[in-house]
Amino acid sequence: MTAEVFTPDASITVTMTPSAVRHVRRQLDRTPGALGIRLAIKKSGCSGFKYETQWVQAAEADDRVFHIDGVDVYIREPHLPMVNGIEIDFVTEGVNQLFRFRNPNATAECGCGESFTVA
């Protein structure tokens, strides 16, 4: 068994589309005490992992904060290898609005799009 050692550096990238930035800014204005948004990875679904977003009230010790056009995106360091290079978008599909994640590390997604796999 081998263990992967990850040392975060400046090569870690997280981006947001203008639509996502606008949406998060609007929501932060309506959420007293929120510092930003957290992108978390949870084990779930038929493909292995799913994305979760949460409003951040306080930073965690292992958070890495990405400052994107006035929005702070918090990601815990253990999740960084799975989301390096991710683009966060906010889209409207019919009557639904949702975050869409374009993750270059995802090697597969389940049929319903709720979970993903990384190699």
N, C-alpha and C. Protein backbone atom coordinates (compact mmCIF):
# COMPACT_ATOMS: atom_id res chain seq x y z
N MET A 1 0.84 -1.17 0.00
CA MET A 1 0.00 0.00 0.00
C MET A 1 0.89 1.23 0.00
N THR A 2 0.55 2.22 -0.83
CA THR A 2 1.31 3.46 -0.87
C THR A 2 0.42 4.62 -0.46
N ALA A 3 1.04 5.65 0.05
CA ALA A 3 0.29 6.84 0.45
C ALA A 3 0.73 7.99 -0.45
N GLU A 4 -0.22 8.74 -0.93
CA GLU A 4 0.08 9.91 -1.74
C GLU A 4 0.29 11.10 -0.82
N VAL A 5 1.39 11.79 -1.00
CA VAL A 5 1.67 12.98 -0.22
C VAL A 5 1.34 14.18 -1.09
N PHE A 6 0.53 15.08 -0.57
CA PHE A 6 0.13 16.25 -1.33
C PHE A 6 0.59 17.50 -0.60
N THR A 7 1.34 18.34 -1.28
CA THR A 7 1.78 19.60 -0.72
C THR A 7 1.15 20.71 -1.56
N PRO A 8 0.17 21.44 -0.99
CA PRO A 8 -0.48 22.48 -1.77
C PRO A 8 0.51 23.59 -2.14
N ASP A 9 0.35 24.10 -3.35
CA ASP A 9 1.20 25.19 -3.79
C ASP A 9 0.40 26.10 -4.71
N ALA A 10 1.08 27.04 -5.30
CA ALA A 10 0.40 28.03 -6.14
C ALA A 10 -0.18 27.43 -7.41
N SER A 11 0.16 26.18 -7.74
CA SER A 11 -0.37 25.58 -8.96
C SER A 11 -1.80 25.08 -8.80
N ILE A 12 -2.35 25.14 -7.60
CA ILE A 12 -3.73 24.73 -7.38
C ILE A 12 -4.64 25.86 -7.87
N THR A 13 -5.57 25.52 -8.75
CA THR A 13 -6.47 26.54 -9.28
C THR A 13 -7.92 26.16 -9.07
N VAL A 14 -8.71 27.18 -8.77
CA VAL A 14 -10.16 27.08 -8.68
C VAL A 14 -10.70 28.34 -9.33
N THR A 15 -11.63 28.20 -10.25
CA THR A 15 -12.20 29.37 -10.92
C THR A 15 -13.71 29.33 -10.82
N MET A 16 -14.31 30.49 -11.04
CA MET A 16 -15.77 30.63 -11.06
C MET A 16 -16.15 31.44 -12.29
N THR A 17 -17.26 31.08 -12.90
CA THR A 17 -17.77 31.88 -14.00
C THR A 17 -18.41 33.15 -13.44
N PRO A 18 -18.57 34.18 -14.26
CA PRO A 18 -19.25 35.39 -13.78
C PRO A 18 -20.64 35.10 -13.22
N SER A 19 -21.35 34.16 -13.81
CA SER A 19 -22.68 33.78 -13.31
C SER A 19 -22.61 33.23 -11.89
N ALA A 20 -21.62 32.39 -11.63
CA ALA A 20 -21.47 31.82 -10.28
C ALA A 20 -21.08 32.90 -9.29
N VAL A 21 -20.19 33.79 -9.68
CA VAL A 21 -19.78 34.88 -8.79
C VAL A 21 -20.98 35.75 -8.43
N ARG A 22 -21.79 36.12 -9.42
CA ARG A 22 -22.98 36.94 -9.15
C ARG A 22 -23.93 36.25 -8.19
N HIS A 23 -24.17 34.95 -8.42
CA HIS A 23 -25.10 34.20 -7.57
C HIS A 23 -24.57 34.14 -6.13
N VAL A 24 -23.31 33.81 -5.96
CA VAL A 24 -22.76 33.68 -4.61
C VAL A 24 -22.76 35.04 -3.92
N ARG A 25 -22.40 36.10 -4.62
CA ARG A 25 -22.43 37.43 -4.00
C ARG A 25 -23.84 37.78 -3.51
N ARG A 26 -24.85 37.51 -4.34
CA ARG A 26 -26.24 37.78 -3.93
C ARG A 26 -26.61 36.99 -2.68
N GLN A 27 -26.23 35.73 -2.65
CA GLN A 27 -26.57 34.88 -1.51
C GLN A 27 -25.81 35.31 -0.25
N LEU A 28 -24.55 35.70 -0.42
CA LEU A 28 -23.77 36.15 0.74
C LEU A 28 -24.38 37.42 1.33
N ASP A 29 -24.90 38.30 0.47
CA ASP A 29 -25.56 39.53 0.96
C ASP A 29 -26.79 39.20 1.80
N ARG A 30 -27.40 38.05 1.54
CA ARG A 30 -28.62 37.62 2.26
C ARG A 30 -28.33 36.70 3.44
N THR A 31 -27.07 36.35 3.65
CA THR A 31 -26.70 35.38 4.68
C THR A 31 -25.81 36.06 5.71
N PRO A 32 -26.41 36.58 6.78
CA PRO A 32 -25.63 37.30 7.79
C PRO A 32 -24.50 36.44 8.36
N GLY A 33 -23.32 37.03 8.45
CA GLY A 33 -22.19 36.35 9.05
C GLY A 33 -21.43 35.42 8.13
N ALA A 34 -21.92 35.19 6.91
CA ALA A 34 -21.24 34.28 6.00
C ALA A 34 -19.97 34.94 5.45
N LEU A 35 -18.88 34.18 5.49
CA LEU A 35 -17.59 34.67 4.99
C LEU A 35 -17.38 34.34 3.52
N GLY A 36 -18.00 33.27 3.07
CA GLY A 36 -17.82 32.79 1.71
C GLY A 36 -18.55 31.48 1.53
N ILE A 37 -18.15 30.76 0.51
CA ILE A 37 -18.79 29.47 0.21
C ILE A 37 -17.74 28.37 0.29
N ARG A 38 -18.15 27.22 0.82
CA ARG A 38 -17.27 26.07 0.91
C ARG A 38 -17.66 25.07 -0.18
N LEU A 39 -16.64 24.58 -0.89
CA LEU A 39 -16.82 23.46 -1.80
C LEU A 39 -16.24 22.25 -1.09
N ALA A 40 -17.10 21.29 -0.80
CA ALA A 40 -16.68 20.09 -0.09
C ALA A 40 -16.92 18.86 -0.97
N ILE A 41 -16.17 17.83 -0.71
CA ILE A 41 -16.31 16.55 -1.40
C ILE A 41 -16.73 15.52 -0.37
N LYS A 42 -17.79 14.78 -0.68
CA LYS A 42 -18.29 13.73 0.22
C LYS A 42 -18.34 12.41 -0.53
N LYS A 43 -18.07 11.33 0.18
CA LYS A 43 -18.27 10.00 -0.42
C LYS A 43 -19.76 9.77 -0.54
N SER A 44 -20.19 9.46 -1.76
CA SER A 44 -21.62 9.29 -1.97
C SER A 44 -21.89 8.84 -3.41
N GLY A 45 -23.08 8.37 -3.63
CA GLY A 45 -23.54 8.08 -4.98
C GLY A 45 -22.93 6.84 -5.58
N CYS A 46 -23.35 6.57 -6.81
CA CYS A 46 -22.90 5.36 -7.48
C CYS A 46 -21.51 5.50 -8.08
N SER A 47 -21.00 6.74 -8.22
CA SER A 47 -19.66 6.92 -8.78
C SER A 47 -18.60 7.20 -7.73
N GLY A 48 -18.98 7.42 -6.48
CA GLY A 48 -17.98 7.54 -5.43
C GLY A 48 -17.99 8.83 -4.64
N PHE A 49 -18.10 9.99 -5.31
CA PHE A 49 -18.03 11.27 -4.61
C PHE A 49 -19.09 12.21 -5.14
N LYS A 50 -19.45 13.19 -4.30
CA LYS A 50 -20.35 14.24 -4.74
C LYS A 50 -19.85 15.57 -4.21
N TYR A 51 -20.26 16.64 -4.86
CA TYR A 51 -19.93 17.99 -4.43
C TYR A 51 -20.99 18.48 -3.47
N GLU A 52 -20.57 19.23 -2.46
CA GLU A 52 -21.50 19.91 -1.57
C GLU A 52 -21.03 21.35 -1.44
N THR A 53 -21.99 22.25 -1.38
CA THR A 53 -21.66 23.65 -1.12
C THR A 53 -22.33 24.05 0.18
N GLN A 54 -21.62 24.86 0.95
CA GLN A 54 -22.13 25.33 2.24
C GLN A 54 -21.66 26.76 2.43
N TRP A 55 -22.43 27.55 3.16
CA TRP A 55 -22.00 28.89 3.52
C TRP A 55 -21.04 28.78 4.69
N VAL A 56 -19.94 29.47 4.63
CA VAL A 56 -18.90 29.40 5.66
C VAL A 56 -19.16 30.48 6.70
N GLN A 57 -19.32 30.05 7.94
CA GLN A 57 -19.48 30.98 9.06
C GLN A 57 -18.15 31.18 9.78
N ALA A 58 -17.29 30.17 9.73
CA ALA A 58 -15.97 30.24 10.35
C ALA A 58 -15.03 29.32 9.57
N ALA A 59 -13.81 29.76 9.39
CA ALA A 59 -12.82 28.95 8.67
C ALA A 59 -12.36 27.78 9.53
N GLU A 60 -12.03 26.68 8.87
CA GLU A 60 -11.45 25.51 9.52
C GLU A 60 -9.93 25.61 9.43
N ALA A 61 -9.23 24.93 10.31
CA ALA A 61 -7.77 24.99 10.36
C ALA A 61 -7.12 24.53 9.06
N ASP A 62 -7.74 23.58 8.37
CA ASP A 62 -7.14 23.05 7.14
C ASP A 62 -7.77 23.62 5.87
N ASP A 63 -8.41 24.77 5.97
CA ASP A 63 -9.00 25.41 4.80
C ASP A 63 -7.95 26.10 3.95
N ARG A 64 -8.14 26.01 2.67
CA ARG A 64 -7.40 26.84 1.71
C ARG A 64 -8.45 27.77 1.13
N VAL A 65 -8.18 29.06 1.09
CA VAL A 65 -9.15 30.04 0.63
C VAL A 65 -8.71 30.61 -0.71
N PHE A 66 -9.62 30.56 -1.68
CA PHE A 66 -9.38 31.11 -3.01
C PHE A 66 -10.22 32.38 -3.13
N HIS A 67 -9.57 33.49 -3.45
CA HIS A 67 -10.26 34.78 -3.60
C HIS A 67 -10.55 34.96 -5.09
N ILE A 68 -11.83 34.93 -5.45
CA ILE A 68 -12.23 34.99 -6.85
C ILE A 68 -13.23 36.12 -7.03
N ASP A 69 -12.79 37.22 -7.62
CA ASP A 69 -13.67 38.36 -7.93
C ASP A 69 -14.52 38.78 -6.74
N GLY A 70 -13.91 38.87 -5.57
CA GLY A 70 -14.62 39.31 -4.38
C GLY A 70 -15.37 38.22 -3.64
N VAL A 71 -15.25 36.98 -4.09
CA VAL A 71 -15.89 35.84 -3.43
C VAL A 71 -14.79 34.94 -2.88
N ASP A 72 -14.92 34.53 -1.62
CA ASP A 72 -13.97 33.60 -1.02
C ASP A 72 -14.54 32.18 -1.10
N VAL A 73 -13.77 31.30 -1.72
CA VAL A 73 -14.15 29.90 -1.85
C VAL A 73 -13.22 29.10 -0.94
N TYR A 74 -13.81 28.39 0.03
CA TYR A 74 -13.07 27.61 1.02
C TYR A 74 -13.09 26.14 0.59
N ILE A 75 -11.90 25.54 0.60
CA ILE A 75 -11.77 24.11 0.29
C ILE A 75 -10.79 23.52 1.29
N ARG A 76 -11.19 22.41 1.91
CA ARG A 76 -10.30 21.75 2.86
C ARG A 76 -9.15 21.11 2.09
N GLU A 77 -7.94 21.21 2.66
CA GLU A 77 -6.74 20.74 1.97
C GLU A 77 -6.83 19.28 1.50
N PRO A 78 -7.43 18.35 2.26
CA PRO A 78 -7.50 16.98 1.74
C PRO A 78 -8.30 16.85 0.44
N HIS A 79 -9.16 17.82 0.14
CA HIS A 79 -9.99 17.75 -1.07
C HIS A 79 -9.31 18.38 -2.28
N LEU A 80 -8.24 19.13 -2.07
CA LEU A 80 -7.61 19.86 -3.17
C LEU A 80 -7.17 18.99 -4.35
N PRO A 81 -6.57 17.82 -4.13
CA PRO A 81 -6.17 17.02 -5.30
C PRO A 81 -7.36 16.62 -6.18
N MET A 82 -8.53 16.49 -5.60
CA MET A 82 -9.70 16.07 -6.38
C MET A 82 -10.35 17.23 -7.14
N VAL A 83 -10.07 18.47 -6.73
CA VAL A 83 -10.73 19.60 -7.37
C VAL A 83 -9.78 20.58 -8.04
N ASN A 84 -8.50 20.27 -8.08
CA ASN A 84 -7.54 21.18 -8.71
C ASN A 84 -7.94 21.43 -10.17
N GLY A 85 -8.10 22.69 -10.52
CA GLY A 85 -8.49 23.06 -11.88
C GLY A 85 -9.98 23.17 -12.10
N ILE A 86 -10.77 22.99 -11.07
CA ILE A 86 -12.23 23.00 -11.21
C ILE A 86 -12.75 24.39 -11.58
N GLU A 87 -13.79 24.42 -12.38
CA GLU A 87 -14.51 25.66 -12.67
C GLU A 87 -15.91 25.48 -12.09
N ILE A 88 -16.32 26.46 -11.30
CA ILE A 88 -17.66 26.46 -10.70
C ILE A 88 -18.53 27.39 -11.52
N ASP A 89 -19.63 26.88 -12.01
CA ASP A 89 -20.57 27.66 -12.81
C ASP A 89 -21.92 27.63 -12.11
N PHE A 90 -22.78 28.57 -12.46
CA PHE A 90 -24.16 28.57 -11.95
C PHE A 90 -25.05 28.72 -13.16
N VAL A 91 -25.92 27.73 -13.38
CA VAL A 91 -26.71 27.67 -14.61
C VAL A 91 -28.20 27.57 -14.31
N THR A 92 -28.97 27.96 -15.31
CA THR A 92 -30.41 27.79 -15.27
C THR A 92 -30.77 26.74 -16.31
N GLU A 93 -31.48 25.71 -15.87
CA GLU A 93 -31.94 24.64 -16.76
C GLU A 93 -33.44 24.53 -16.56
N GLY A 94 -34.21 25.07 -17.50
CA GLY A 94 -35.66 25.10 -17.34
C GLY A 94 -36.01 26.00 -16.17
N VAL A 95 -36.71 25.45 -15.18
CA VAL A 95 -37.07 26.24 -14.00
C VAL A 95 -36.08 26.03 -12.85
N ASN A 96 -35.07 25.22 -13.07
CA ASN A 96 -34.08 24.92 -12.02
C ASN A 96 -32.82 25.76 -12.18
N GLN A 97 -32.24 26.15 -11.05
CA GLN A 97 -30.94 26.80 -11.03
C GLN A 97 -30.02 25.98 -10.15
N LEU A 98 -28.79 25.77 -10.62
CA LEU A 98 -27.88 24.94 -9.86
C LEU A 98 -26.43 25.24 -10.20
N PHE A 99 -25.55 24.84 -9.28
CA PHE A 99 -24.12 24.91 -9.56
C PHE A 99 -23.77 23.76 -10.50
N ARG A 100 -22.91 24.05 -11.45
CA ARG A 100 -22.37 23.03 -12.35
C ARG A 100 -20.86 23.06 -12.14
N PHE A 101 -20.27 21.90 -11.95
CA PHE A 101 -18.84 21.79 -11.67
C PHE A 101 -18.15 21.15 -12.87
N ARG A 102 -17.17 21.83 -13.40
CA ARG A 102 -16.37 21.28 -14.50
C ARG A 102 -15.01 20.94 -13.91
N ASN A 103 -14.85 19.65 -13.63
CA ASN A 103 -13.68 19.17 -12.90
C ASN A 103 -12.80 18.34 -13.83
N PRO A 104 -11.60 18.82 -14.15
CA PRO A 104 -10.73 18.06 -15.04
C PRO A 104 -10.21 16.76 -14.43
N ASN A 105 -10.38 16.58 -13.12
CA ASN A 105 -9.93 15.36 -12.45
C ASN A 105 -10.97 14.26 -12.46
N ALA A 106 -12.22 14.60 -12.79
CA ALA A 106 -13.29 13.60 -12.81
C ALA A 106 -13.10 12.70 -14.02
N THR A 107 -12.98 11.43 -13.77
CA THR A 107 -12.78 10.47 -14.85
C THR A 107 -14.09 9.82 -15.29
N ALA A 108 -15.13 9.95 -14.47
CA ALA A 108 -16.44 9.41 -14.82
C ALA A 108 -17.49 10.08 -13.94
N GLU A 109 -18.72 10.09 -14.44
CA GLU A 109 -19.86 10.59 -13.66
C GLU A 109 -20.98 9.57 -13.76
N CYS A 110 -21.84 9.56 -12.75
CA CYS A 110 -22.97 8.65 -12.83
C CYS A 110 -23.97 9.20 -13.84
N GLY A 111 -24.92 8.40 -14.24
CA GLY A 111 -25.89 8.77 -15.25
C GLY A 111 -26.73 9.98 -14.88
N CYS A 112 -27.03 10.16 -13.62
CA CYS A 112 -27.87 11.29 -13.21
C CYS A 112 -27.04 12.55 -12.94
N GLY A 113 -25.70 12.43 -12.97
CA GLY A 113 -24.84 13.58 -12.77
C GLY A 113 -24.64 14.00 -11.32
N GLU A 114 -25.08 13.19 -10.38
CA GLU A 114 -24.97 13.54 -8.97
C GLU A 114 -23.65 13.17 -8.34
N SER A 115 -22.92 12.24 -8.94
CA SER A 115 -21.66 11.83 -8.34
C SER A 115 -20.60 11.65 -9.42
N PHE A 116 -19.34 11.59 -8.99
CA PHE A 116 -18.22 11.49 -9.92
C PHE A 116 -17.13 10.59 -9.35
N THR A 117 -16.22 10.21 -10.23
CA THR A 117 -15.08 9.37 -9.87
C THR A 117 -13.80 10.10 -10.25
N VAL A 118 -12.75 9.91 -9.45
CA VAL A 118 -11.43 10.38 -9.81
C VAL A 118 -10.49 9.19 -9.86
N ALA A 119 -9.50 9.27 -10.74
CA ALA A 119 -8.55 8.16 -10.87
C ALA A 119 -7.59 8.13 -9.71
